[in-house]
Full PDB file with SEQRES, HELIX, SHEET, SSBOND, CRYST1, ORIGX, SCALE, CONECT and MASTER records, all heavy atoms in Angstrom:
SEQRES   1 A   35  SER ILE VAL PHE ASP ASN TYR GLY LEU PRO MET MET PHE          
SEQRES   2 A   35  MET ASP LYS THR GLN PRO GLU ILE LEU GLU ASN VAL GLN          
SEQRES   3 A   35  ALA TRP ILE HIS LEU GLN HIS GLN VAL                          
HELIX    1 AA1 PRO A   19  GLN A   34  1                                  16    
SHEET    1 AA1 2 ILE A   2  PHE A   4  0                                        
SHEET    2 AA1 2 PRO A  10  PHE A  13 -1                                        
CRYST1    1.000    1.000    1.000  90.00  90.00  90.00 P 1           1          
ORIGX1      1.000000  0.000000  0.000000        0.00000                         
ORIGX2      0.000000  1.000000  0.000000        0.00000                         
ORIGX3      0.000000  0.000000  1.000000        0.00000                         
SCALE1      1.000000  0.000000  0.000000        0.00000                         
SCALE2      0.000000  1.000000  0.000000        0.00000                         
SCALE3      0.000000  0.000000  1.000000        0.00000                         
ATOM      1  N   SER A   1     -23.185  34.199   1.890  1.00  0.00           N  
ATOM      2  CA  SER A   1     -23.355  35.554   1.834  1.00  0.00           C  
ATOM      3  C   SER A   1     -22.638  36.411   2.852  1.00  0.00           C  
ATOM      4  O   SER A   1     -22.383  35.886   3.941  1.00  0.00           O  
ATOM      5  CB  SER A   1     -24.857  35.962   1.999  1.00  0.00           C  
ATOM      6  OG  SER A   1     -25.667  35.411   0.930  1.00  0.00           O  
ATOM      7  N   ILE A   2     -22.158  37.537   2.499  1.00  0.00           N  
ATOM      8  CA  ILE A   2     -21.606  38.547   3.440  1.00  0.00           C  
ATOM      9  C   ILE A   2     -22.550  39.746   3.445  1.00  0.00           C  
ATOM     10  O   ILE A   2     -22.866  40.331   2.413  1.00  0.00           O  
ATOM     11  CB  ILE A   2     -20.229  38.983   2.973  1.00  0.00           C  
ATOM     12  CG1 ILE A   2     -19.241  37.725   2.872  1.00  0.00           C  
ATOM     13  CG2 ILE A   2     -19.610  39.950   3.916  1.00  0.00           C  
ATOM     14  CD1 ILE A   2     -17.817  38.105   2.429  1.00  0.00           C  
ATOM     15  N   VAL A   3     -22.858  40.224   4.507  1.00  0.00           N  
ATOM     16  CA  VAL A   3     -23.957  41.217   4.747  1.00  0.00           C  
ATOM     17  C   VAL A   3     -23.295  42.521   5.376  1.00  0.00           C  
ATOM     18  O   VAL A   3     -22.486  42.412   6.334  1.00  0.00           O  
ATOM     19  CB  VAL A   3     -25.049  40.790   5.702  1.00  0.00           C  
ATOM     20  CG1 VAL A   3     -26.101  41.806   5.794  1.00  0.00           C  
ATOM     21  CG2 VAL A   3     -25.669  39.508   5.170  1.00  0.00           C  
ATOM     22  N   PHE A   4     -23.440  43.628   4.749  1.00  0.00           N  
ATOM     23  CA  PHE A   4     -22.992  44.979   5.201  1.00  0.00           C  
ATOM     24  C   PHE A   4     -24.207  45.933   5.475  1.00  0.00           C  
ATOM     25  O   PHE A   4     -25.332  45.689   4.881  1.00  0.00           O  
ATOM     26  CB  PHE A   4     -22.122  45.623   4.083  1.00  0.00           C  
ATOM     27  CG  PHE A   4     -20.854  44.727   3.715  1.00  0.00           C  
ATOM     28  CD1 PHE A   4     -21.012  43.766   2.792  1.00  0.00           C  
ATOM     29  CD2 PHE A   4     -19.653  45.134   4.219  1.00  0.00           C  
ATOM     30  CE1 PHE A   4     -19.836  43.081   2.408  1.00  0.00           C  
ATOM     31  CE2 PHE A   4     -18.511  44.485   3.905  1.00  0.00           C  
ATOM     32  CZ  PHE A   4     -18.584  43.498   3.011  1.00  0.00           C  
ATOM     33  N   ASP A   5     -23.993  46.854   6.328  1.00  0.00           N  
ATOM     34  CA  ASP A   5     -25.000  47.893   6.365  1.00  0.00           C  
ATOM     35  C   ASP A   5     -24.862  48.843   5.260  1.00  0.00           C  
ATOM     36  O   ASP A   5     -23.948  48.753   4.491  1.00  0.00           O  
ATOM     37  CB  ASP A   5     -25.045  48.583   7.763  1.00  0.00           C  
ATOM     38  CG  ASP A   5     -23.861  49.558   7.960  1.00  0.00           C  
ATOM     39  OD1 ASP A   5     -23.021  49.768   7.092  1.00  0.00           O  
ATOM     40  OD2 ASP A   5     -23.791  50.262   9.015  1.00  0.00           O  
ATOM     41  N   ASN A   6     -25.789  49.822   5.080  1.00  0.00           N  
ATOM     42  CA  ASN A   6     -25.704  50.691   3.973  1.00  0.00           C  
ATOM     43  C   ASN A   6     -24.517  51.669   3.933  1.00  0.00           C  
ATOM     44  O   ASN A   6     -24.319  52.424   2.969  1.00  0.00           O  
ATOM     45  CB  ASN A   6     -27.008  51.411   3.868  1.00  0.00           C  
ATOM     46  CG  ASN A   6     -27.332  52.309   4.979  1.00  0.00           C  
ATOM     47  OD1 ASN A   6     -27.733  51.800   6.074  1.00  0.00           O  
ATOM     48  ND2 ASN A   6     -27.146  53.674   4.826  1.00  0.00           N  
ATOM     49  N   TYR A   7     -23.691  51.656   5.087  1.00  0.00           N  
ATOM     50  CA  TYR A   7     -22.565  52.525   5.058  1.00  0.00           C  
ATOM     51  C   TYR A   7     -21.241  51.719   4.929  1.00  0.00           C  
ATOM     52  O   TYR A   7     -20.101  52.283   5.119  1.00  0.00           O  
ATOM     53  CB  TYR A   7     -22.553  53.261   6.318  1.00  0.00           C  
ATOM     54  CG  TYR A   7     -23.673  54.330   6.439  1.00  0.00           C  
ATOM     55  CD1 TYR A   7     -24.707  54.166   7.506  1.00  0.00           C  
ATOM     56  CD2 TYR A   7     -23.787  55.379   5.531  1.00  0.00           C  
ATOM     57  CE1 TYR A   7     -25.609  55.125   7.489  1.00  0.00           C  
ATOM     58  CE2 TYR A   7     -24.858  56.280   5.635  1.00  0.00           C  
ATOM     59  CZ  TYR A   7     -25.792  56.165   6.598  1.00  0.00           C  
ATOM     60  OH  TYR A   7     -26.805  57.017   6.698  1.00  0.00           O  
ATOM     61  N   GLY A   8     -21.362  50.358   4.602  1.00  0.00           N  
ATOM     62  CA  GLY A   8     -20.143  49.680   4.282  1.00  0.00           C  
ATOM     63  C   GLY A   8     -19.641  48.843   5.460  1.00  0.00           C  
ATOM     64  O   GLY A   8     -18.533  48.232   5.386  1.00  0.00           O  
ATOM     65  N   LEU A   9     -20.282  49.021   6.609  1.00  0.00           N  
ATOM     66  CA  LEU A   9     -19.711  48.241   7.891  1.00  0.00           C  
ATOM     67  C   LEU A   9     -20.220  46.760   7.712  1.00  0.00           C  
ATOM     68  O   LEU A   9     -21.394  46.437   7.580  1.00  0.00           O  
ATOM     69  CB  LEU A   9     -20.274  48.739   9.225  1.00  0.00           C  
ATOM     70  CG  LEU A   9     -19.777  50.100   9.529  1.00  0.00           C  
ATOM     71  CD1 LEU A   9     -20.565  50.756  10.646  1.00  0.00           C  
ATOM     72  CD2 LEU A   9     -18.383  50.023   9.974  1.00  0.00           C  
ATOM     73  N   PRO A  10     -19.304  45.658   7.836  1.00  0.00           N  
ATOM     74  CA  PRO A  10     -19.622  44.325   7.718  1.00  0.00           C  
ATOM     75  C   PRO A  10     -20.479  43.993   8.992  1.00  0.00           C  
ATOM     76  O   PRO A  10     -20.160  44.334  10.030  1.00  0.00           O  
ATOM     77  CB  PRO A  10     -18.237  43.653   7.776  1.00  0.00           C  
ATOM     78  CG  PRO A  10     -17.262  44.653   8.357  1.00  0.00           C  
ATOM     79  CD  PRO A  10     -17.852  46.001   7.996  1.00  0.00           C  
ATOM     80  N   MET A  11     -21.504  43.357   8.737  1.00  0.00           N  
ATOM     81  CA  MET A  11     -22.531  42.942   9.804  1.00  0.00           C  
ATOM     82  C   MET A  11     -22.384  41.438  10.149  1.00  0.00           C  
ATOM     83  O   MET A  11     -22.425  41.139  11.282  1.00  0.00           O  
ATOM     84  CB  MET A  11     -23.979  43.275   9.344  1.00  0.00           C  
ATOM     85  CG  MET A  11     -24.225  44.771   9.235  1.00  0.00           C  
ATOM     86  SD  MET A  11     -25.929  45.074   8.682  1.00  0.00           S  
ATOM     87  CE  MET A  11     -26.845  44.495  10.047  1.00  0.00           C  
ATOM     88  N   MET A  12     -22.378  40.606   9.081  1.00  0.00           N  
ATOM     89  CA  MET A  12     -22.360  39.209   9.367  1.00  0.00           C  
ATOM     90  C   MET A  12     -21.873  38.383   8.170  1.00  0.00           C  
ATOM     91  O   MET A  12     -22.016  38.816   6.980  1.00  0.00           O  
ATOM     92  CB  MET A  12     -23.731  38.699   9.797  1.00  0.00           C  
ATOM     93  CG  MET A  12     -24.800  38.901   8.838  1.00  0.00           C  
ATOM     94  SD  MET A  12     -26.512  38.530   9.512  1.00  0.00           S  
ATOM     95  CE  MET A  12     -26.796  40.084  10.407  1.00  0.00           C  
ATOM     96  N   PHE A  13     -21.361  37.228   8.469  1.00  0.00           N  
ATOM     97  CA  PHE A  13     -20.980  36.234   7.446  1.00  0.00           C  
ATOM     98  C   PHE A  13     -21.874  35.072   7.595  1.00  0.00           C  
ATOM     99  O   PHE A  13     -22.158  34.593   8.705  1.00  0.00           O  
ATOM    100  CB  PHE A  13     -19.439  35.746   7.624  1.00  0.00           C  
ATOM    101  CG  PHE A  13     -18.438  36.850   7.595  1.00  0.00           C  
ATOM    102  CD1 PHE A  13     -17.834  37.252   8.806  1.00  0.00           C  
ATOM    103  CD2 PHE A  13     -18.171  37.590   6.434  1.00  0.00           C  
ATOM    104  CE1 PHE A  13     -16.893  38.262   8.775  1.00  0.00           C  
ATOM    105  CE2 PHE A  13     -17.211  38.460   6.408  1.00  0.00           C  
ATOM    106  CZ  PHE A  13     -16.592  38.804   7.584  1.00  0.00           C  
ATOM    107  N   MET A  14     -22.375  34.590   6.432  1.00  0.00           N  
ATOM    108  CA  MET A  14     -23.294  33.445   6.428  1.00  0.00           C  
ATOM    109  C   MET A  14     -22.681  32.418   5.495  1.00  0.00           C  
ATOM    110  O   MET A  14     -22.752  32.477   4.281  1.00  0.00           O  
ATOM    111  CB  MET A  14     -24.642  33.904   5.917  1.00  0.00           C  
ATOM    112  CG  MET A  14     -25.322  34.962   6.766  1.00  0.00           C  
ATOM    113  SD  MET A  14     -27.066  35.330   6.089  1.00  0.00           S  
ATOM    114  CE  MET A  14     -27.692  36.160   7.576  1.00  0.00           C  
ATOM    115  N   ASP A  15     -22.119  31.401   6.087  1.00  0.00           N  
ATOM    116  CA  ASP A  15     -21.603  30.248   5.299  1.00  0.00           C  
ATOM    117  C   ASP A  15     -22.656  29.633   4.481  1.00  0.00           C  
ATOM    118  O   ASP A  15     -22.388  29.060   3.399  1.00  0.00           O  
ATOM    119  CB  ASP A  15     -20.991  29.133   6.207  1.00  0.00           C  
ATOM    120  CG  ASP A  15     -19.806  29.705   6.959  1.00  0.00           C  
ATOM    121  OD1 ASP A  15     -19.271  30.778   6.628  1.00  0.00           O  
ATOM    122  OD2 ASP A  15     -19.312  29.070   7.929  1.00  0.00           O  
ATOM    123  N   LYS A  16     -23.812  29.734   4.958  1.00  0.00           N  
ATOM    124  CA  LYS A  16     -25.114  29.452   4.101  1.00  0.00           C  
ATOM    125  C   LYS A  16     -26.073  30.581   4.394  1.00  0.00           C  
ATOM    126  O   LYS A  16     -26.428  30.744   5.577  1.00  0.00           O  
ATOM    127  CB  LYS A  16     -25.620  28.072   4.522  1.00  0.00           C  
ATOM    128  CG  LYS A  16     -26.778  27.573   3.650  1.00  0.00           C  
ATOM    129  CD  LYS A  16     -27.211  26.195   3.969  1.00  0.00           C  
ATOM    130  CE  LYS A  16     -28.307  25.630   3.113  1.00  0.00           C  
ATOM    131  NZ  LYS A  16     -28.638  24.255   3.408  1.00  0.00           N  
ATOM    132  N   THR A  17     -26.613  31.118   3.386  1.00  0.00           N  
ATOM    133  CA  THR A  17     -27.485  32.311   3.529  1.00  0.00           C  
ATOM    134  C   THR A  17     -28.671  31.875   4.422  1.00  0.00           C  
ATOM    135  O   THR A  17     -29.367  30.926   4.253  1.00  0.00           O  
ATOM    136  CB  THR A  17     -28.063  32.729   2.132  1.00  0.00           C  
ATOM    137  OG1 THR A  17     -26.865  33.032   1.352  1.00  0.00           O  
ATOM    138  CG2 THR A  17     -28.902  34.018   2.249  1.00  0.00           C  
ATOM    139  N   GLN A  18     -28.905  32.743   5.475  1.00  0.00           N  
ATOM    140  CA  GLN A  18     -30.045  32.517   6.410  1.00  0.00           C  
ATOM    141  C   GLN A  18     -31.153  33.503   6.243  1.00  0.00           C  
ATOM    142  O   GLN A  18     -31.107  34.618   6.806  1.00  0.00           O  
ATOM    143  CB  GLN A  18     -29.445  32.551   7.711  1.00  0.00           C  
ATOM    144  CG  GLN A  18     -28.391  31.545   8.067  1.00  0.00           C  
ATOM    145  CD  GLN A  18     -28.837  30.118   7.947  1.00  0.00           C  
ATOM    146  OE1 GLN A  18     -30.108  29.885   8.335  1.00  0.00           O  
ATOM    147  NE2 GLN A  18     -28.095  29.220   7.443  1.00  0.00           N  
ATOM    148  N   PRO A  19     -32.252  33.210   5.448  1.00  0.00           N  
ATOM    149  CA  PRO A  19     -33.300  34.181   5.188  1.00  0.00           C  
ATOM    150  C   PRO A  19     -33.981  34.577   6.538  1.00  0.00           C  
ATOM    151  O   PRO A  19     -34.387  35.770   6.668  1.00  0.00           O  
ATOM    152  CB  PRO A  19     -34.226  33.475   4.308  1.00  0.00           C  
ATOM    153  CG  PRO A  19     -33.884  32.064   4.379  1.00  0.00           C  
ATOM    154  CD  PRO A  19     -32.402  31.993   4.701  1.00  0.00           C  
ATOM    155  N   GLU A  20     -34.026  33.667   7.567  1.00  0.00           N  
ATOM    156  CA  GLU A  20     -34.716  34.019   8.796  1.00  0.00           C  
ATOM    157  C   GLU A  20     -33.956  35.222   9.515  1.00  0.00           C  
ATOM    158  O   GLU A  20     -34.667  36.095  10.069  1.00  0.00           O  
ATOM    159  CB  GLU A  20     -34.880  32.834   9.710  1.00  0.00           C  
ATOM    160  CG  GLU A  20     -35.622  31.705   9.133  1.00  0.00           C  
ATOM    161  CD  GLU A  20     -34.726  30.727   8.241  1.00  0.00           C  
ATOM    162  OE1 GLU A  20     -33.457  31.127   8.042  1.00  0.00           O  
ATOM    163  OE2 GLU A  20     -35.242  29.715   7.705  1.00  0.00           O  
ATOM    164  N   ILE A  21     -32.723  35.154   9.496  1.00  0.00           N  
ATOM    165  CA  ILE A  21     -31.948  36.260  10.145  1.00  0.00           C  
ATOM    166  C   ILE A  21     -32.109  37.565   9.346  1.00  0.00           C  
ATOM    167  O   ILE A  21     -32.338  38.557   9.938  1.00  0.00           O  
ATOM    168  CB  ILE A  21     -30.486  35.850  10.307  1.00  0.00           C  
ATOM    169  CG1 ILE A  21     -30.280  34.656  11.213  1.00  0.00           C  
ATOM    170  CG2 ILE A  21     -29.593  37.048  10.718  1.00  0.00           C  
ATOM    171  CD1 ILE A  21     -28.940  34.089  11.201  1.00  0.00           C  
ATOM    172  N   LEU A  22     -32.011  37.402   8.033  1.00  0.00           N  
ATOM    173  CA  LEU A  22     -32.152  38.598   7.260  1.00  0.00           C  
ATOM    174  C   LEU A  22     -33.547  39.269   7.300  1.00  0.00           C  
ATOM    175  O   LEU A  22     -33.701  40.461   7.327  1.00  0.00           O  
ATOM    176  CB  LEU A  22     -31.758  38.312   5.822  1.00  0.00           C  
ATOM    177  CG  LEU A  22     -30.379  38.032   5.579  1.00  0.00           C  
ATOM    178  CD1 LEU A  22     -30.113  37.393   4.189  1.00  0.00           C  
ATOM    179  CD2 LEU A  22     -29.461  39.214   5.801  1.00  0.00           C  
ATOM    180  N   GLU A  23     -34.582  38.455   7.507  1.00  0.00           N  
ATOM    181  CA  GLU A  23     -35.924  38.900   7.710  1.00  0.00           C  
ATOM    182  C   GLU A  23     -35.982  39.650   9.090  1.00  0.00           C  
ATOM    183  O   GLU A  23     -36.646  40.796   9.152  1.00  0.00           O  
ATOM    184  CB  GLU A  23     -36.944  37.722   7.760  1.00  0.00           C  
ATOM    185  CG  GLU A  23     -37.119  37.062   6.396  1.00  0.00           C  
ATOM    186  CD  GLU A  23     -38.308  37.592   5.643  1.00  0.00           C  
ATOM    187  OE1 GLU A  23     -39.082  38.338   6.243  1.00  0.00           O  
ATOM    188  OE2 GLU A  23     -38.384  37.424   4.390  1.00  0.00           O  
ATOM    189  N   ASN A  24     -35.279  39.272  10.064  1.00  0.00           N  
ATOM    190  CA  ASN A  24     -35.349  39.851  11.315  1.00  0.00           C  
ATOM    191  C   ASN A  24     -34.539  41.215  11.263  1.00  0.00           C  
ATOM    192  O   ASN A  24     -34.930  42.224  11.847  1.00  0.00           O  
ATOM    193  CB  ASN A  24     -34.591  39.046  12.446  1.00  0.00           C  
ATOM    194  CG  ASN A  24     -35.542  37.840  12.857  1.00  0.00           C  
ATOM    195  OD1 ASN A  24     -36.736  37.961  12.697  1.00  0.00           O  
ATOM    196  ND2 ASN A  24     -34.894  36.772  13.374  1.00  0.00           N  
ATOM    197  N   VAL A  25     -33.519  41.255  10.442  1.00  0.00           N  
ATOM    198  CA  VAL A  25     -32.819  42.529  10.204  1.00  0.00           C  
ATOM    199  C   VAL A  25     -33.689  43.529   9.630  1.00  0.00           C  
ATOM    200  O   VAL A  25     -33.709  44.715   9.953  1.00  0.00           O  
ATOM    201  CB  VAL A  25     -31.469  42.313   9.404  1.00  0.00           C  
ATOM    202  CG1 VAL A  25     -30.901  43.684   8.957  1.00  0.00           C  
ATOM    203  CG2 VAL A  25     -30.498  41.440  10.147  1.00  0.00           C  
ATOM    204  N   GLN A  26     -34.410  43.082   8.634  1.00  0.00           N  
ATOM    205  CA  GLN A  26     -35.389  44.008   7.897  1.00  0.00           C  
ATOM    206  C   GLN A  26     -36.490  44.510   8.911  1.00  0.00           C  
ATOM    207  O   GLN A  26     -36.897  45.690   8.724  1.00  0.00           O  
ATOM    208  CB  GLN A  26     -36.047  43.227   6.698  1.00  0.00           C  
ATOM    209  CG  GLN A  26     -35.028  42.990   5.548  1.00  0.00           C  
ATOM    210  CD  GLN A  26     -34.450  44.224   4.962  1.00  0.00           C  
ATOM    211  OE1 GLN A  26     -35.052  45.249   4.957  1.00  0.00           O  
ATOM    212  NE2 GLN A  26     -33.196  44.148   4.455  1.00  0.00           N  
ATOM    213  N   ALA A  27     -36.913  43.624   9.736  1.00  0.00           N  
ATOM    214  CA  ALA A  27     -37.844  44.078  10.734  1.00  0.00           C  
ATOM    215  C   ALA A  27     -37.296  45.123  11.633  1.00  0.00           C  
ATOM    216  O   ALA A  27     -37.998  46.125  12.078  1.00  0.00           O  
ATOM    217  CB  ALA A  27     -38.365  42.837  11.506  1.00  0.00           C  
ATOM    218  N   TRP A  28     -36.033  44.984  11.981  1.00  0.00           N  
ATOM    219  CA  TRP A  28     -35.313  45.916  12.835  1.00  0.00           C  
ATOM    220  C   TRP A  28     -35.189  47.381  12.111  1.00  0.00           C  
ATOM    221  O   TRP A  28     -35.468  48.370  12.685  1.00  0.00           O  
ATOM    222  CB  TRP A  28     -33.983  45.395  13.177  1.00  0.00           C  
ATOM    223  CG  TRP A  28     -33.074  46.206  13.867  1.00  0.00           C  
ATOM    224  CD1 TRP A  28     -33.067  46.720  15.126  1.00  0.00           C  
ATOM    225  CD2 TRP A  28     -31.802  46.776  13.292  1.00  0.00           C  
ATOM    226  NE1 TRP A  28     -31.925  47.458  15.488  1.00  0.00           N  
ATOM    227  CE2 TRP A  28     -31.014  47.581  14.339  1.00  0.00           C  
ATOM    228  CE3 TRP A  28     -31.091  46.654  12.111  1.00  0.00           C  
ATOM    229  CZ2 TRP A  28     -29.923  48.216  14.109  1.00  0.00           C  
ATOM    230  CZ3 TRP A  28     -29.930  47.285  11.874  1.00  0.00           C  
ATOM    231  CH2 TRP A  28     -29.329  48.104  12.917  1.00  0.00           C  
ATOM    232  N   ILE A  29     -34.904  47.171  10.801  1.00  0.00           N  
ATOM    233  CA  ILE A  29     -34.866  48.394  10.034  1.00  0.00           C  
ATOM    234  C   ILE A  29     -36.219  49.177   9.978  1.00  0.00           C  
ATOM    235  O   ILE A  29     -36.355  50.313  10.037  1.00  0.00           O  
ATOM    236  CB  ILE A  29     -34.306  48.163   8.563  1.00  0.00           C  
ATOM    237  CG1 ILE A  29     -32.846  47.751   8.672  1.00  0.00           C  
ATOM    238  CG2 ILE A  29     -34.558  49.368   7.718  1.00  0.00           C  
ATOM    239  CD1 ILE A  29     -32.351  47.230   7.332  1.00  0.00           C  
ATOM    240  N   HIS A  30     -37.252  48.323   9.750  1.00  0.00           N  
ATOM    241  CA  HIS A  30     -38.664  48.903   9.707  1.00  0.00           C  
ATOM    242  C   HIS A  30     -39.012  49.483  11.022  1.00  0.00           C  
ATOM    243  O   HIS A  30     -39.640  50.584  11.000  1.00  0.00           O  
ATOM    244  CB  HIS A  30     -39.524  47.790   9.422  1.00  0.00           C  
ATOM    245  CG  HIS A  30     -41.024  48.222   9.157  1.00  0.00           C  
ATOM    246  ND1 HIS A  30     -41.432  49.075   8.273  1.00  0.00           N  
ATOM    247  CD2 HIS A  30     -42.098  47.983   9.981  1.00  0.00           C  
ATOM    248  CE1 HIS A  30     -42.744  49.334   8.295  1.00  0.00           C  
ATOM    249  NE2 HIS A  30     -43.219  48.593   9.437  1.00  0.00           N  
ATOM    250  N   LEU A  31     -38.562  49.000  12.133  1.00  0.00           N  
ATOM    251  CA  LEU A  31     -38.936  49.530  13.390  1.00  0.00           C  
ATOM    252  C   LEU A  31     -38.182  50.856  13.590  1.00  0.00           C  
ATOM    253  O   LEU A  31     -38.856  51.819  14.249  1.00  0.00           O  
ATOM    254  CB  LEU A  31     -38.463  48.537  14.539  1.00  0.00           C  
ATOM    255  CG  LEU A  31     -38.725  49.012  15.992  1.00  0.00           C  
ATOM    256  CD1 LEU A  31     -40.143  49.253  16.248  1.00  0.00           C  
ATOM    257  CD2 LEU A  31     -38.050  48.016  16.958  1.00  0.00           C  
ATOM    258  N   GLN A  32     -37.025  50.981  13.023  1.00  0.00           N  
ATOM    259  CA  GLN A  32     -36.356  52.289  13.127  1.00  0.00           C  
ATOM    260  C   GLN A  32     -37.169  53.417  12.401  1.00  0.00           C  
ATOM    261  O   GLN A  32     -37.320  54.574  12.907  1.00  0.00           O  
ATOM    262  CB  GLN A  32     -35.018  52.255  12.467  1.00  0.00           C  
ATOM    263  CG  GLN A  32     -33.982  51.348  13.221  1.00  0.00           C  
ATOM    264  CD  GLN A  32     -32.671  51.210  12.524  1.00  0.00           C  
ATOM    265  OE1 GLN A  32     -32.136  52.252  12.037  1.00  0.00           O  
ATOM    266  NE2 GLN A  32     -32.211  50.057  12.344  1.00  0.00           N  
ATOM    267  N   HIS A  33     -37.752  53.024  11.313  1.00  0.00           N  
ATOM    268  CA  HIS A  33     -38.647  53.995  10.572  1.00  0.00           C  
ATOM    269  C   HIS A  33     -39.916  54.359  11.433  1.00  0.00           C  
ATOM    270  O   HIS A  33     -40.244  55.441  11.384  1.00  0.00           O  
ATOM    271  CB  HIS A  33     -38.941  53.486   9.134  1.00  0.00           C  
ATOM    272  CG  HIS A  33     -37.961  53.517   8.134  1.00  0.00           C  
ATOM    273  ND1 HIS A  33     -37.730  54.615   7.427  1.00  0.00           N  
ATOM    274  CD2 HIS A  33     -36.920  52.579   7.790  1.00  0.00           C  
ATOM    275  CE1 HIS A  33     -36.657  54.443   6.621  1.00  0.00           C  
ATOM    276  NE2 HIS A  33     -36.133  53.253   6.822  1.00  0.00           N  
ATOM    277  N   GLN A  34     -40.399  53.303  12.025  1.00  0.00           N  
ATOM    278  CA  GLN A  34     -41.622  53.578  12.820  1.00  0.00           C  
ATOM    279  C   GLN A  34     -41.383  54.454  13.972  1.00  0.00           C  
ATOM    280  O   GLN A  34     -42.206  55.313  14.332  1.00  0.00           O  
ATOM    281  CB  GLN A  34     -42.191  52.165  13.350  1.00  0.00           C  
ATOM    282  CG  GLN A  34     -42.733  51.340  12.271  1.00  0.00           C  
ATOM    283  CD  GLN A  34     -43.347  50.071  12.753  1.00  0.00           C  
ATOM    284  OE1 GLN A  34     -42.675  49.319  13.564  1.00  0.00           O  
ATOM    285  NE2 GLN A  34     -44.557  49.720  12.343  1.00  0.00           N  
ATOM    286  N   VAL A  35     -40.256  54.399  14.621  1.00  0.00           N  
ATOM    287  CA  VAL A  35     -40.026  55.222  15.747  1.00  0.00           C  
ATOM    288  C   VAL A  35     -39.228  56.443  15.400  1.00  0.00           C  
ATOM    289  O   VAL A  35     -39.006  57.334  16.274  1.00  0.00           O  
ATOM    290  CB  VAL A  35     -39.190  54.385  16.910  1.00  0.00           C  
ATOM    291  CG1 VAL A  35     -39.967  53.217  17.319  1.00  0.00           C  
ATOM    292  CG2 VAL A  35     -37.841  54.066  16.383  1.00  0.00           C  
TER     293      VAL A  35                                                      
MASTER        0    0    0    1    2    0    0    6  292    1    0    3          
END                                                                             
């Protein structure tokens, strides 16, 4: 997988998709909404 933010900036390359990292990214996004 190749992961981009919602504005098209490349964030990370995953030679094998890593759900744990993506879950942490989603938690980071959720925290932005909370604050």
